[in-house]
Protein backbone atom coordinates (compact mmCIF):
# COMPACT_ATOMS: atom_id res chain seq x y z
CA MET A 1 0.06 0.00 0.01
CA SER A 2 3.04 2.16 0.47
CA THR A 3 3.49 5.09 -1.95
CA PRO A 4 5.75 8.23 -1.63
CA ILE A 5 4.83 10.68 0.97
CA GLU A 6 3.70 14.00 -0.27
CA THR A 7 3.60 17.43 1.47
CA ILE A 8 0.10 18.89 0.65
CA ARG A 9 -1.26 22.17 1.80
CA SER A 10 -4.77 23.89 2.18
CA TYR A 11 -5.73 26.33 -0.52
CA GLY A 12 -5.46 29.22 1.96
CA GLY A 13 -2.00 28.09 2.73
CA LEU A 14 -2.27 28.02 6.53
CA TYR A 15 -2.22 24.22 6.96
CA THR A 16 -0.02 21.41 5.65
CA ALA A 17 -0.04 17.64 6.02
CA GLU A 18 2.32 14.77 5.19
CA SER A 19 0.16 12.18 3.28
CA GLU A 20 0.20 9.08 1.25
CA ILE A 21 -1.97 9.85 -1.70
CA HIS A 22 -3.72 7.09 -3.75
CA SER A 23 -5.69 7.73 -7.03
CA PRO A 24 -7.93 4.69 -7.69
CA ALA A 25 -9.63 4.74 -11.17
CA THR A 26 -12.28 2.04 -10.50
CA ILE A 27 -14.64 1.00 -7.60
CA ASP A 28 -12.79 -2.26 -7.38
CA GLU A 29 -9.58 -0.35 -6.70
CA VAL A 30 -11.24 1.81 -4.01
CA ILE A 31 -12.59 -1.44 -2.28
CA ALA A 32 -9.16 -2.92 -2.45
CA LEU A 33 -7.77 0.28 -0.70
CA PHE A 34 -10.28 -0.01 2.13
CA HIS A 35 -9.23 -3.64 2.53
CA MET A 36 -5.52 -3.10 2.65
CA ALA A 37 -5.90 -0.08 5.05
CA ARG A 38 -8.01 -2.49 7.26
CA GLN A 39 -5.46 -5.20 7.25
CA ALA A 40 -2.73 -2.66 7.94
CA GLY A 41 -4.60 -1.13 10.86
CA ARG A 42 -4.60 2.27 9.08
CA ARG A 43 -7.32 4.72 8.42
CA VAL A 44 -8.05 6.46 5.25
CA ALA A 45 -9.45 9.99 4.41
CA PHE A 46 -10.51 11.83 1.09
CA ARG A 47 -9.36 14.74 -0.65
CA GLY A 48 -10.94 16.59 -3.51
CA ARG A 49 -9.08 18.94 -5.92
CA GLY A 50 -7.43 20.84 -2.98
CA TYR A 51 -9.53 24.12 -2.84
CA SER A 52 -10.58 23.95 0.87
CA PHE A 53 -9.27 26.84 2.94
CA ASP A 54 -9.27 24.82 6.24
CA THR A 55 -8.16 21.13 6.79
CA GLN A 56 -11.29 19.69 5.04
CA GLY A 57 -9.03 17.98 2.45
CA LEU A 58 -5.98 17.34 4.62
CA ASP A 59 -5.17 14.36 6.76
CA SER A 60 -1.77 12.85 7.70
CA GLY A 61 -1.78 9.22 6.60
CA THR A 62 -3.51 7.68 3.68
CA LEU A 63 -5.59 10.12 1.53
CA ILE A 64 -7.70 8.95 -1.38
CA SER A 65 -8.14 11.16 -4.38
CA LEU A 66 -11.08 10.29 -6.66
CA ASP A 67 -9.82 12.78 -9.54
CA ARG A 68 -9.87 9.87 -12.04
CA PHE A 69 -13.62 9.38 -11.53
CA ASN A 70 -14.22 12.30 -14.01
CA LYS A 71 -16.85 11.13 -16.53
CA ILE A 72 -19.77 13.38 -17.23
CA SER A 73 -23.06 12.34 -18.94
CA VAL A 74 -25.82 15.00 -19.65
CA ASP A 75 -29.38 13.57 -19.96
CA VAL A 76 -30.78 16.42 -22.05
CA SER A 77 -34.51 15.10 -21.84
CA ALA A 78 -34.45 14.50 -18.12
CA ARG A 79 -32.38 17.68 -17.47
CA GLN A 80 -29.88 15.94 -15.29
CA VAL A 81 -26.24 15.40 -15.46
CA THR A 82 -24.54 12.48 -13.81
CA VAL A 83 -20.75 13.04 -13.00
CA GLY A 84 -17.82 11.37 -11.42
CA ALA A 85 -16.76 12.78 -8.08
CA GLY A 86 -13.58 13.94 -9.75
CA ALA A 87 -15.30 15.79 -12.59
CA THR A 88 -14.60 19.53 -12.25
CA TRP A 89 -17.19 22.21 -12.24
CA GLY A 90 -15.75 23.90 -15.34
CA ASP A 91 -15.99 20.69 -17.30
CA ILE A 92 -19.58 20.04 -15.82
CA LEU A 93 -20.84 23.35 -16.98
CA ALA A 94 -18.94 23.05 -20.53
CA ALA A 95 -20.88 19.82 -20.94
CA ALA A 96 -24.29 21.21 -19.96
CA GLU A 97 -24.41 24.62 -21.35
CA PRO A 98 -24.46 24.03 -24.93
CA HIS A 99 -27.93 22.46 -24.35
CA GLY A 100 -29.14 25.45 -22.53
CA LEU A 101 -28.83 23.82 -19.20
CA VAL A 102 -26.92 24.80 -16.24
CA PRO A 103 -26.31 23.52 -12.65
CA PRO A 104 -28.18 25.97 -10.29
CA VAL A 105 -25.42 26.09 -7.71
CA MET A 106 -21.80 26.21 -8.69
CA VAL A 107 -18.87 27.28 -6.57
CA SER A 108 -16.61 30.08 -7.49
CA THR A 109 -13.74 28.23 -9.10
CA SER A 110 -13.82 25.88 -12.31
CA HIS A 111 -11.19 23.78 -10.79
CA ALA A 112 -13.19 22.32 -7.80
CA SER A 113 -14.70 18.76 -8.14
CA ALA A 114 -18.31 17.71 -7.68
CA GLY A 115 -17.22 15.26 -4.96
CA GLY A 116 -15.35 17.93 -3.00
CA THR A 117 -18.28 20.46 -3.17
CA LEU A 118 -20.96 17.64 -2.35
CA SER A 119 -18.98 16.78 0.81
CA ALA A 120 -19.28 20.52 1.89
CA CYS A 121 -22.97 21.20 0.52
CA CYS A 122 -21.56 24.34 -0.97
CA ILE A 123 -23.42 27.71 -1.92
CA SER A 124 -23.29 30.18 -4.70
CA ARG A 125 -24.29 33.76 -5.46
CA PHE A 126 -27.66 32.16 -6.81
CA SER A 127 -28.20 30.41 -3.42
CA PRO A 128 -30.69 32.95 -2.21
CA THR A 129 -33.04 31.55 -4.86
CA ALA A 130 -31.55 28.08 -5.52
CA GLY A 131 -30.56 27.10 -2.09
CA LYS A 132 -27.49 25.00 -1.35
CA GLU A 133 -25.91 22.44 -3.67
CA GLY A 134 -27.62 19.60 -1.74
CA LYS A 135 -30.99 20.70 -2.94
CA TRP A 136 -30.11 19.80 -6.54
CA ILE A 137 -28.62 16.48 -5.81
CA SER A 138 -31.07 13.72 -7.01
CA ARG A 139 -28.85 10.71 -6.03
CA PHE A 140 -25.12 9.44 -5.51
CA THR A 141 -23.45 6.37 -5.38
CA ILE A 142 -21.13 5.70 -2.35
CA ILE A 143 -18.85 2.96 -1.47
CA THR A 144 -18.94 2.44 2.35
CA PRO A 145 -16.12 1.13 4.44
CA ASP A 146 -17.56 -2.53 4.23
CA GLY A 147 -17.03 -2.41 0.52
CA ILE A 148 -20.73 -2.26 -0.31
CA VAL A 149 -21.73 0.03 -3.19
CA ARG A 150 -24.85 1.92 -2.20
CA GLN A 151 -27.28 4.16 -4.20
CA CYS A 152 -28.33 7.08 -1.99
CA SER A 153 -31.34 9.51 -2.48
CA ARG A 154 -34.11 11.00 -0.59
CA THR A 155 -35.98 7.66 -0.54
CA GLU A 156 -33.23 5.15 -0.41
CA HIS A 157 -30.57 5.16 2.39
CA ALA A 158 -31.94 8.46 3.15
CA ASP A 159 -30.03 8.75 6.46
CA LEU A 160 -26.70 8.46 4.62
CA PHE A 161 -27.82 10.92 1.79
CA TYR A 162 -28.63 13.57 4.61
CA ALA A 163 -25.30 12.89 6.44
CA ALA A 164 -22.89 12.55 3.54
CA ILE A 165 -24.08 15.82 1.79
CA GLY A 166 -22.02 18.15 3.85
CA GLY A 167 -20.38 15.41 5.75
CA PHE A 168 -16.82 16.08 4.49
CA GLY A 169 -16.08 12.54 3.23
CA TYR A 170 -16.66 10.88 6.61
CA PHE A 171 -18.86 7.94 5.37
CA GLY A 172 -17.14 6.61 2.39
CA ALA A 173 -16.18 7.09 -1.21
CA VAL A 174 -18.74 9.00 -3.35
CA VAL A 175 -17.83 8.03 -6.70
CA GLU A 176 -20.96 9.35 -8.75
CA ILE A 177 -23.48 12.05 -8.47
CA THR A 178 -26.68 12.89 -10.29
CA TYR A 179 -27.77 16.50 -10.29
CA GLU A 180 -30.89 18.31 -11.62
CA LEU A 181 -30.26 20.99 -14.11
CA LEU A 182 -32.15 24.12 -15.04
CA TYR A 183 -32.96 25.22 -18.57
CA VAL A 184 -31.96 28.82 -19.11
CA GLY A 185 -31.79 28.98 -22.86
CA THR A 186 -29.00 29.68 -25.29
CA PRO A 187 -26.67 31.51 -25.53
CA ALA A 188 -26.65 31.45 -21.87
CA ARG A 189 -25.44 34.74 -20.33
CA ILE A 190 -25.81 36.31 -16.73
CA LYS A 191 -27.05 39.93 -16.59
CA THR A 192 -25.97 42.06 -13.53
CA TYR A 193 -27.03 45.50 -12.62
CA VAL A 194 -25.48 47.37 -9.67
CA THR A 195 -27.19 49.72 -7.31
CA LEU A 196 -25.29 51.81 -4.73
CA ARG A 197 -26.32 52.92 -1.28
CA PRO A 198 -24.41 55.09 1.24
CA ASP A 199 -25.16 52.82 4.21
CA THR A 200 -26.69 49.49 5.10
CA SER A 201 -30.14 50.81 6.00
CA GLU A 202 -31.78 49.13 3.06
CA LEU A 203 -29.91 45.98 3.06
CA HIS A 204 -32.62 43.90 4.68
CA THR A 205 -35.24 45.00 2.28
CA ILE A 206 -33.03 44.71 -0.97
CA LEU A 207 -31.59 41.23 -0.13
CA LEU A 208 -34.98 39.88 0.34
CA GLN A 209 -35.96 40.82 -3.14
CA ALA A 210 -34.33 37.44 -4.20
CA TYR A 211 -36.94 35.76 -1.96
CA ASP A 212 -39.86 37.64 -3.61
CA LYS A 213 -38.39 36.72 -7.09
CA SER A 214 -38.38 33.01 -6.33
CA ASP A 215 -41.81 32.77 -4.89
CA ASN A 216 -44.74 34.92 -4.72
CA ASP A 217 -45.32 34.61 -1.06
CA THR A 218 -43.65 36.81 1.36
CA PRO A 219 -40.64 35.28 3.43
CA LYS A 220 -41.72 33.00 6.20
CA PRO A 221 -39.87 32.38 9.44
CA PRO A 222 -38.04 29.09 9.80
CA LYS A 223 -39.66 26.19 11.78
CA GLU A 224 -38.05 25.64 15.11
CA GLY A 225 -35.31 22.81 15.19
CA PHE A 226 -33.62 20.79 12.52
CA ASN A 227 -35.03 19.13 9.48
CA SER A 228 -37.59 21.71 8.70
CA GLN A 229 -38.64 22.22 5.10
CA PRO A 230 -37.27 25.31 3.17
CA THR A 231 -39.62 28.10 2.39
CA ASN A 232 -39.95 30.19 -0.75
CA VAL A 233 -36.71 28.68 -2.37
CA LEU A 234 -36.75 27.61 -5.99
CA LYS A 235 -37.56 23.98 -5.70
CA PRO A 236 -35.83 21.20 -7.61
CA PRO A 237 -37.97 19.33 -10.02
CA LEU A 238 -38.95 15.73 -9.66
CA GLY A 239 -38.42 13.84 -12.80
CA GLY A 240 -37.56 16.85 -15.00
CA LEU A 241 -38.49 20.40 -14.99
CA GLY A 242 -41.70 20.07 -16.80
CA VAL A 243 -41.28 23.10 -18.84
CA SER A 244 -40.85 23.48 -22.60
CA ALA A 245 -37.52 24.61 -24.18
CA ALA A 246 -39.22 27.86 -24.86
CA GLU A 247 -39.86 28.63 -21.27
CA PRO A 248 -36.51 29.24 -19.51
CA SER A 249 -36.62 28.60 -15.76
CA PRO A 250 -36.46 31.89 -13.73
CA MET A 251 -33.19 32.27 -11.86
CA ARG A 252 -32.51 35.57 -10.16
CA THR A 253 -30.53 36.72 -7.14
CA VAL A 254 -29.40 39.62 -5.14
CA TYR A 255 -26.17 39.85 -3.01
CA SER A 256 -24.10 42.67 -1.57
CA ALA A 257 -20.44 43.69 -1.16
CA PHE A 258 -19.30 46.34 1.28
CA ALA A 259 -16.97 49.23 0.56
CA ILE A 260 -15.54 50.19 3.96
CA LYS A 261 -14.30 53.91 3.96
CA GLY A 262 -13.36 55.06 7.59
CA ASP A 263 -16.51 54.46 9.70
CA LYS A 264 -18.84 54.48 6.72
CA VAL A 265 -20.08 51.03 5.37
CA ARG A 266 -21.28 51.62 1.89
CA THR A 267 -23.01 48.75 -0.03
CA MET A 268 -23.03 47.61 -3.62
CA TYR A 269 -26.01 45.43 -4.63
CA CYS A 270 -25.77 43.18 -7.48
CA HIS A 271 -29.06 42.11 -9.02
CA THR A 272 -28.30 39.17 -11.34
CA GLU A 273 -30.40 36.81 -13.52
CA TYR A 274 -29.86 34.46 -16.42
CA CYS A 275 -30.56 35.87 -19.78
CA THR A 276 -29.95 35.04 -23.55
CA ASP A 277 -28.46 38.38 -24.66
CA ALA A 278 -25.86 37.76 -27.25
CA LYS A 279 -23.64 40.69 -26.77
CA LEU A 280 -21.24 40.58 -23.80
CA VAL A 281 -20.54 43.48 -21.58
CA PRO A 282 -18.36 41.84 -18.92
CA MET A 283 -17.49 43.18 -15.60
CA MET A 284 -13.72 43.20 -14.89
CA PRO A 285 -13.89 40.83 -11.88
CA HIS A 286 -15.78 38.39 -14.04
CA GLN A 287 -12.73 38.19 -16.42
CA PRO A 288 -10.28 36.05 -14.48
CA GLN A 289 -8.09 35.48 -17.62
CA LEU A 290 -7.17 39.19 -17.86
CA ASN A 291 -3.74 40.19 -16.96
CA ALA A 292 -5.08 43.25 -15.19
CA ARG A 293 -6.90 40.70 -12.79
CA LEU A 294 -3.62 38.91 -12.24
CA VAL A 295 -1.90 42.37 -11.42
CA THR A 296 -4.79 43.13 -9.01
CA GLU A 297 -4.17 39.90 -7.14
CA PHE A 298 -0.51 40.44 -6.72
CA MET A 299 -1.15 44.06 -5.75
CA VAL A 300 -3.36 43.09 -2.87
CA GLN A 301 -0.74 40.53 -1.77
CA TRP A 302 1.88 43.25 -1.69
CA PHE A 303 -0.31 45.96 -0.34
CA PRO A 304 -3.21 44.41 1.73
CA ARG A 305 -5.07 47.64 2.25
CA LEU A 306 -5.55 47.68 -1.49
CA GLY A 307 -8.31 45.07 -1.12
CA GLN A 308 -10.80 47.63 0.41
CA ALA A 309 -9.38 50.43 -1.58
CA PHE A 310 -10.40 48.50 -4.76
CA TRP A 311 -13.98 48.10 -3.46
CA ASN A 312 -14.10 51.92 -2.53
CA TYR A 313 -12.74 52.71 -6.04
CA ALA A 314 -15.36 50.42 -7.58
CA TYR A 315 -18.11 52.21 -5.64
CA ASP A 316 -16.79 55.70 -6.51
CA HIS A 317 -15.74 55.22 -10.15
CA TYR A 318 -15.78 51.86 -11.70
CA ILE A 319 -19.35 50.65 -11.21
CA PRO A 320 -21.82 53.57 -11.86
CA GLY A 321 -25.02 52.89 -10.17
CA ASN A 322 -27.71 51.13 -12.32
CA ASP A 323 -25.24 50.10 -15.02
CA THR A 324 -25.86 46.74 -16.64
CA TYR A 325 -23.29 44.12 -17.38
CA ILE A 326 -23.58 40.89 -19.47
CA ASP A 327 -21.09 37.98 -18.56
CA SER A 328 -20.58 34.65 -19.87
CA VAL A 329 -21.78 31.95 -17.40
CA HIS A 330 -18.30 30.72 -16.93
CA GLY A 331 -16.73 34.19 -16.26
CA TYR A 332 -19.47 35.22 -13.89
CA THR A 333 -19.59 31.81 -11.99
CA PHE A 334 -15.92 31.15 -11.78
CA PHE A 335 -14.68 34.68 -10.74
CA MET A 336 -12.15 33.32 -8.24
CA ASP A 337 -10.29 31.48 -11.18
CA GLY A 338 -8.14 34.83 -11.17
CA ASN A 339 -7.15 34.24 -7.59
CA VAL A 340 -6.27 30.64 -8.32
CA ARG A 341 -4.30 31.70 -11.27
CA ALA A 342 -2.34 34.26 -9.02
CA LYS A 343 -1.76 31.67 -6.28
CA ARG A 344 -0.33 29.03 -8.62
CA LEU A 345 2.17 31.70 -10.16
CA GLY A 346 2.93 33.29 -6.86
CA ARG A 347 3.89 30.10 -5.24
CA LYS A 348 6.05 29.09 -8.09
CA ILE A 349 8.15 32.16 -7.39
CA GLY A 350 8.29 31.47 -3.65
CA MET A 351 5.35 33.77 -2.54
CA LYS A 352 3.37 32.18 0.40
CA PHE A 353 -0.12 33.83 -0.71
CA ARG A 354 -1.70 32.97 2.57
CA ALA A 355 -5.39 33.80 2.83
CA ILE A 356 -8.32 33.36 5.40
CA GLN A 357 -11.96 33.23 4.50
CA GLN A 358 -14.57 32.74 7.23
CA THR A 359 -18.38 32.77 6.80
CA PHE A 360 -21.02 33.26 9.49
CA VAL A 361 -24.77 32.64 9.23
CA ILE A 362 -26.87 34.97 11.43
CA PRO A 363 -30.60 34.29 11.79
CA LEU A 364 -32.78 36.35 9.45
CA SER A 365 -33.15 39.38 11.64
CA LYS A 366 -32.15 42.87 10.67
CA GLU A 367 -31.45 43.67 14.20
CA LEU A 368 -29.21 40.79 14.85
CA PHE A 369 -27.43 41.11 11.51
CA ASP A 370 -26.75 44.76 12.11
CA GLU A 371 -25.32 44.11 15.52
CA PHE A 372 -23.20 41.30 14.17
CA LEU A 373 -21.71 43.45 11.48
CA ALA A 374 -20.93 46.33 13.91
CA ALA A 375 -19.16 43.63 16.00
CA CYS A 376 -17.20 42.34 13.03
CA LEU A 377 -16.09 45.81 11.84
CA GLN A 378 -15.05 46.80 15.42
CA GLY A 379 -13.39 43.55 15.97
CA MET A 380 -11.35 43.89 12.84
CA LYS A 381 -10.49 47.58 13.60
CA ASP A 382 -9.27 46.57 17.03
CA ALA A 383 -7.20 43.71 15.47
CA HIS A 384 -5.68 46.09 12.84
CA THR A 385 -6.68 43.56 10.27
CA PRO A 386 -8.73 45.33 7.51
CA PRO A 387 -10.56 42.65 5.36
CA ALA A 388 -9.72 42.37 1.53
CA MET A 389 -13.56 41.63 0.96
CA ILE A 390 -16.71 41.25 3.02
CA ASP A 391 -20.02 40.40 1.54
CA THR A 392 -23.46 39.11 2.31
CA LEU A 393 -26.55 37.37 0.97
CA CYS A 394 -29.54 35.54 2.42
CA LEU A 395 -30.11 31.81 2.62
CA HIS A 396 -33.28 29.79 3.40
CA ALA A 397 -33.56 27.00 5.72
CA ASP A 398 -32.69 23.77 3.94
CA GLU A 399 -34.27 20.41 4.18
CA GLY A 400 -32.06 18.80 6.78
CA PHE A 401 -28.51 18.04 5.70
CA LEU A 402 -27.18 17.50 9.02
CA LEU A 403 -23.98 19.69 9.10
CA SER A 404 -25.47 22.37 6.96
CA SER A 405 -25.24 25.84 8.44
CA THR A 406 -28.81 26.53 7.40
CA ASN A 407 -30.23 23.14 8.70
CA GLY A 408 -33.61 24.42 10.09
CA MET A 409 -32.51 28.18 10.11
CA SER A 410 -32.80 30.77 7.45
CA GLY A 411 -30.18 33.54 7.65
CA TYR A 412 -27.74 36.14 6.32
CA THR A 413 -24.27 35.01 5.40
CA LEU A 414 -21.49 37.28 6.27
CA SER A 415 -18.21 36.35 4.60
CA ILE A 416 -14.86 37.94 5.44
CA ALA A 417 -11.86 37.37 3.41
CA PHE A 418 -8.23 38.41 4.42
CA GLU A 419 -5.16 38.23 2.14
CA SER A 420 -1.30 38.68 2.32
CA LEU A 421 -0.96 37.25 5.83
CA ASN A 422 2.09 37.19 7.89
CA ASP A 423 2.37 35.08 11.17
CA ASP A 424 1.42 38.09 13.29
CA LYS A 425 -1.68 38.83 11.18
CA ILE A 426 -2.72 35.17 11.48
CA VAL A 427 -2.65 35.29 15.15
CA ARG A 428 -4.68 38.40 15.45
CA ILE A 429 -7.22 37.31 12.80
CA THR A 430 -7.52 34.06 14.58
CA LYS A 431 -8.45 35.73 17.87
CA CYS A 432 -10.85 38.03 16.06
CA MET A 433 -12.75 35.23 14.38
CA LYS A 434 -12.78 33.04 17.54
CA ASP A 435 -14.33 36.06 19.33
CA LEU A 436 -16.88 36.76 16.45
CA THR A 437 -17.70 33.04 16.40
CA ARG A 438 -18.64 33.13 20.10
CA ARG A 439 -20.85 36.30 19.42
CA CYS A 440 -22.53 34.38 16.45
CA LEU A 441 -23.49 31.52 18.81
CA GLU A 442 -24.87 33.90 21.42
CA MET A 443 -27.15 35.21 18.61
CA GLY A 444 -28.33 31.78 17.64
CA GLY A 445 -26.21 31.63 14.43
CA ARG A 446 -23.71 29.27 13.04
CA ILE A 447 -20.23 29.17 11.40
CA HIS A 448 -20.47 27.87 7.78
CA LEU A 449 -18.15 24.92 7.67
CA THR A 450 -17.12 25.17 4.16
CA LYS A 451 -14.35 27.84 4.49
CA ASN A 452 -12.05 28.46 7.49
CA VAL A 453 -13.16 27.56 10.95
CA LEU A 454 -11.20 29.75 13.51
CA ALA A 455 -13.29 28.87 16.44
CA ASP A 456 -13.26 27.34 19.74
CA PRO A 457 -14.55 23.71 19.16
CA ASP A 458 -16.86 24.02 22.00
CA ASP A 459 -18.67 26.84 20.29
CA VAL A 460 -18.86 25.02 17.02
CA ARG A 461 -20.34 21.80 18.84
CA ALA A 462 -22.89 24.08 20.58
CA MET A 463 -23.82 25.57 17.14
CA TYR A 464 -24.45 22.06 15.68
CA ALA A 465 -25.52 20.27 18.90
CA ASP A 466 -28.83 19.08 17.59
CA ALA A 467 -27.15 17.59 14.44
CA LEU A 468 -24.27 15.56 16.22
CA VAL A 469 -26.24 12.71 17.59
CA PRO A 470 -27.91 11.69 14.26
CA PHE A 471 -24.54 12.59 12.45
CA PHE A 472 -22.52 10.16 14.62
CA THR A 473 -25.38 7.58 14.70
CA VAL A 474 -25.13 7.31 10.78
CA LYS A 475 -21.41 7.00 11.24
CA LYS A 476 -21.48 4.23 13.63
CA LYS A 477 -24.08 2.42 11.33
CA TYR A 478 -21.86 2.55 8.19
CA ASP A 479 -18.42 2.67 9.55
CA PRO A 480 -18.40 1.10 13.10
CA ASP A 481 -14.80 0.48 13.12
CA GLY A 482 -13.88 4.12 12.09
CA LEU A 483 -11.84 3.19 9.00
CA ILE A 484 -12.68 6.60 7.55
CA GLY A 485 -11.21 9.60 9.24
CA SER A 486 -11.48 13.36 8.94
CA ALA A 487 -8.98 15.60 10.72
CA PHE A 488 -11.44 18.42 10.31
CA ILE A 489 -14.57 16.82 11.60
CA GLU A 490 -12.51 15.30 14.60
CA ARG A 491 -11.10 18.53 15.41
CA LEU A 492 -14.22 20.47 15.68
CA PHE A 493 -16.78 17.59 16.78
CA VAL A 494 -14.86 14.74 18.53
CA ARG A 495 -13.81 15.44 22.22
């Protein structure tokens, strides 16, 4: 079973691990790896394409990469796509888009794999209307540690379905996934118009427009507890969308980025929808291939305060209010590819390119959100750590994925990004994020587990307390010997 030991790192550059990486190409090879690990008294863990900010894809010991499971098959009539766990989102979109079909929820880099994002139940800028990724997963195939190949859906092995989506690879090897697609027409484009406000007073009203566009009803408060059904979120179809090719499905969203200038918090609202306008009028951040984007990424690394300077320049000059932009779906969706490109180049020439991104989910209350935003701004000011970016959107309560940050709770996300980090800044940001996580817990919120989790594990366990018993019950059922490990899960949830 021995292969050379490799040093691997998290995408944010804060964490490394010494691992023995195996890349099976068939189900039989995965089962053989499970058997060999059991015989050797070792445990295994899984790694996607390596775009996790924290330790979600790191484990010292034996790591299994499923990158070679990368087949993609589009069923145009059923409006579904079935993909291998190693298929990248760039390739998935490229296969579906010529048919006027798109996955409703795609992460912000084309290089991430479907298996990796399933394991995190990821979100996108369309999540205010589309929900999280798990909403659009029809079924998946998983190899559990006993070597049994199981088909999981909402009706078959449902306990495993709701635990493994967002379960960070803790239950087995997900090798194939079927997603529902939306018909948006051809040529598929994304239209964005930007509105500007001098403060956050209208944030609650404007962000909730995405709710109104996804359903005619007004937003409803979430039900108490976990496993409540989502309200007013665009629902995935059962057995196809049931609309003709002449009727593209509605898909609109609203999200906000902040331009912080002194004590002022100015807001830029992006109102976005799919369209079929042929002429492209792209926004610069949605052109990751541009050399100007590369230069911007490097400048933020050399001069960290340029992060907010860029957003203030965009507010004042680059993005006039009410201007409309037309982007390709690829450029709009995978806007972080510019950051990926810069990090790859920077690390080749010896730059560390360390970054932190942490996302909080605050219950859907204007008062709570305003209080938490003020706490964030003051905390970062006290720590002398200005963010490169800070943004927000609304999420509905989802249907019960156990470790989802919106399991049973609608809320605002608040995502904070820091770039160009030295050791001293990392210490200060870590303390700030831990303090903010405690405040988030006191407000009834949760930390979103997909990015960095700089937090006291006791606080994270308290946030997810109602989910942990069913989560570990499923673990005991399908992996009683603990063959599969996860340094990330065990750091946060195992005492």
